[in-house]
Amino acid sequence: MSRLRKLYIFVGTVLLFGLFLITISFQHWWLENIGSAIFVNGKYSETGRIFRNSNGDFLVITNWQNDATPYILYSSSKDIGVPNISEFTFLGICAYSWSSPVPVVMSSDRIKIETDMNVIEQNEWVEFTGMDGQRIKLYRSNL
C-alpha cells in the first residue's frame, strides 16, 4: 500500500469517527442565536448571550463576564428552568451540555424558586424576572 492511500484511509477513518461523535451527542450541543438581544432592567446587555438547542429551547446567559446566571426557556411549555452553569462548557459560538436533558429547577417549583418569574411572551419578545429580581427581556430574531 502506498503512503498516500494509507493517509486517505486514516483521514477517512478520523472523519467518520468525528461524524459519529457529533451524531450521538447532537442533543448536547447549543448554538449561539446570533441577532437576538437581551435587556436587563431595560438596558441592553452587551455581555448577554443566547444559545439554541436542537429541540428549539434557549439557553440565556444575562451577564457573560461576571456572575453568569443561566436560564433555559422551554419553547414548547413556555416555562423557564434554572440550570447550574457548571453543566455547560462554552466553546466560542456553541455550548456543550454534559447532560441531556439538562437538569434544572423549573420556575413553577415554588419551593426551590422563591420568586415569581412572571413570564410574559409576545410575538417579538419574551420577558421574565430573574433569580436576582432583575427583569430580563429577550428580543428575538429567530426565537
Protein backbone atom coordinates (compact mmCIF):
# COMPACT_ATOMS: atom_id res chain seq x y z
CA MET A 1 0.00 0.00 0.00
CA SER A 2 1.28 3.44 -0.84
CA ARG A 3 1.68 6.16 1.75
CA LEU A 4 -0.96 8.30 0.05
CA ARG A 5 -3.53 5.52 0.25
CA LYS A 6 -2.76 4.96 3.95
CA LEU A 7 -3.17 8.68 4.55
CA TYR A 8 -6.58 8.67 2.80
CA ILE A 9 -7.72 5.71 4.87
CA PHE A 10 -6.54 7.37 8.08
CA VAL A 11 -8.21 10.72 7.29
CA GLY A 12 -11.43 8.96 6.25
CA THR A 13 -11.49 6.96 9.46
CA VAL A 14 -10.93 10.08 11.58
CA LEU A 15 -13.71 11.94 9.72
CA LEU A 16 -16.16 9.04 10.14
CA PHE A 17 -15.34 8.81 13.84
CA GLY A 18 -15.85 12.59 14.24
CA LEU A 19 -19.18 12.40 12.43
CA PHE A 20 -20.20 9.51 14.68
CA LEU A 21 -19.34 11.50 17.82
CA ILE A 22 -21.31 14.53 16.62
CA THR A 23 -24.31 12.35 15.76
CA ILE A 24 -24.51 10.61 19.13
CA SER A 25 -24.02 13.88 21.06
CA PHE A 26 -26.29 16.05 18.88
CA GLN A 27 -28.78 16.88 21.66
CA HIS A 28 -25.97 18.08 23.93
CA TRP A 29 -24.95 20.95 21.62
CA TRP A 30 -26.30 24.51 21.82
CA LEU A 31 -25.52 27.04 19.05
CA GLU A 32 -25.43 30.77 19.67
CA ASN A 33 -28.53 32.55 18.40
CA ILE A 34 -26.96 35.47 16.54
CA GLY A 35 -29.16 38.55 16.17
CA SER A 36 -31.15 38.24 19.38
CA ALA A 37 -30.82 40.88 22.09
CA ILE A 38 -31.02 40.71 25.87
CA PHE A 39 -32.18 43.63 28.01
CA VAL A 40 -31.77 43.60 31.80
CA ASN A 41 -33.93 46.16 33.65
CA GLY A 42 -34.48 47.99 30.36
CA LYS A 43 -30.77 48.31 29.50
CA TYR A 44 -29.10 46.40 26.67
CA SER A 45 -26.79 43.68 27.96
CA GLU A 46 -23.61 43.66 25.88
CA THR A 47 -22.38 40.60 27.77
CA GLY A 48 -25.59 38.57 27.42
CA ARG A 49 -25.73 35.55 25.13
CA ILE A 50 -28.49 33.28 23.82
CA PHE A 51 -27.94 29.70 22.63
CA ARG A 52 -30.44 27.36 20.96
CA ASN A 53 -30.51 23.55 21.01
CA SER A 54 -31.96 21.05 18.55
CA ASN A 55 -35.28 20.94 20.47
CA GLY A 56 -35.80 24.68 19.99
CA ASP A 57 -35.10 25.54 23.64
CA PHE A 58 -33.00 28.58 24.55
CA LEU A 59 -30.11 28.90 26.97
CA VAL A 60 -29.94 32.50 28.17
CA ILE A 61 -26.95 33.95 29.99
CA THR A 62 -27.56 37.54 31.07
CA ASN A 63 -24.07 38.51 32.21
CA TRP A 64 -21.36 36.54 30.46
CA GLN A 65 -18.34 38.11 32.15
CA ASN A 66 -19.38 38.30 35.79
CA ASP A 67 -21.83 36.16 37.74
CA ALA A 68 -23.21 34.13 34.87
CA THR A 69 -26.77 33.14 35.71
CA PRO A 70 -28.13 30.72 33.10
CA TYR A 71 -31.80 30.23 32.29
CA ILE A 72 -33.37 27.78 29.88
CA LEU A 73 -36.51 28.96 28.11
CA TYR A 74 -38.51 25.92 27.00
CA SER A 75 -40.27 26.80 23.75
CA SER A 76 -42.92 24.10 23.97
CA SER A 77 -44.13 24.80 27.52
CA LYS A 78 -43.17 28.49 27.82
CA ASP A 79 -41.59 27.63 31.16
CA ILE A 80 -38.17 28.62 32.49
CA GLY A 81 -35.62 26.33 34.07
CA VAL A 82 -32.58 27.37 36.09
CA PRO A 83 -29.59 25.06 35.50
CA ASN A 84 -26.18 25.08 37.10
CA ILE A 85 -23.58 26.93 34.98
CA SER A 86 -21.10 24.08 35.55
CA GLU A 87 -23.40 21.87 33.47
CA PHE A 88 -22.07 23.62 30.35
CA THR A 89 -18.77 24.00 28.55
CA PHE A 90 -18.63 27.05 26.28
CA LEU A 91 -16.68 26.87 23.03
CA GLY A 92 -16.98 30.14 21.13
CA ILE A 93 -20.34 30.21 19.33
CA CYS A 94 -21.51 26.94 20.82
CA ALA A 95 -22.04 25.36 24.22
CA TYR A 96 -21.94 21.70 25.21
CA SER A 97 -24.20 20.40 27.98
CA TRP A 98 -22.89 17.43 29.91
CA SER A 99 -26.42 16.04 30.38
CA SER A 100 -29.37 15.81 28.05
CA PRO A 101 -31.88 16.92 29.11
CA VAL A 102 -30.13 19.46 31.28
CA PRO A 103 -31.08 19.12 34.98
CA VAL A 104 -32.89 22.32 36.03
CA VAL A 105 -35.10 23.73 38.73
CA MET A 106 -38.31 24.75 37.00
CA SER A 107 -39.77 28.20 37.56
CA SER A 108 -43.06 26.56 38.52
CA ASP A 109 -41.36 24.93 41.56
CA ARG A 110 -42.28 27.50 44.21
CA ILE A 111 -40.43 25.62 46.95
CA LYS A 112 -36.98 25.97 45.36
CA ILE A 113 -37.52 29.19 43.41
CA GLU A 114 -38.87 31.72 45.85
CA THR A 115 -39.63 34.48 43.33
CA ASP A 116 -42.41 34.61 40.78
CA MET A 117 -40.67 34.70 37.39
CA ASN A 118 -43.79 36.23 35.80
CA VAL A 119 -43.12 35.05 32.24
CA ILE A 120 -44.71 37.23 29.55
CA GLU A 121 -44.47 36.21 25.90
CA GLN A 122 -45.31 38.26 22.82
CA ASN A 123 -44.53 37.76 19.14
CA GLU A 124 -41.31 39.76 19.23
CA TRP A 125 -40.08 39.20 22.79
CA VAL A 126 -40.13 37.14 25.98
CA GLU A 127 -39.83 38.78 29.38
CA PHE A 128 -39.32 37.27 32.85
CA THR A 129 -37.95 38.07 36.30
CA GLY A 130 -34.54 36.52 37.02
CA MET A 131 -33.37 34.89 40.22
CA ASP A 132 -31.78 38.15 41.39
CA GLY A 133 -35.01 40.12 40.86
CA GLN A 134 -33.92 41.80 37.65
CA ARG A 135 -36.38 41.96 34.76
CA ILE A 136 -34.95 40.18 31.69
CA LYS A 137 -36.32 40.80 28.22
CA LEU A 138 -35.26 38.82 25.15
CA TYR A 139 -35.88 40.30 21.73
CA ARG A 140 -35.99 37.60 19.14
CA SER A 141 -34.60 37.36 15.71
CA ASN A 142 -35.20 33.64 15.49
CA LEU A 143 -36.62 32.75 18.92
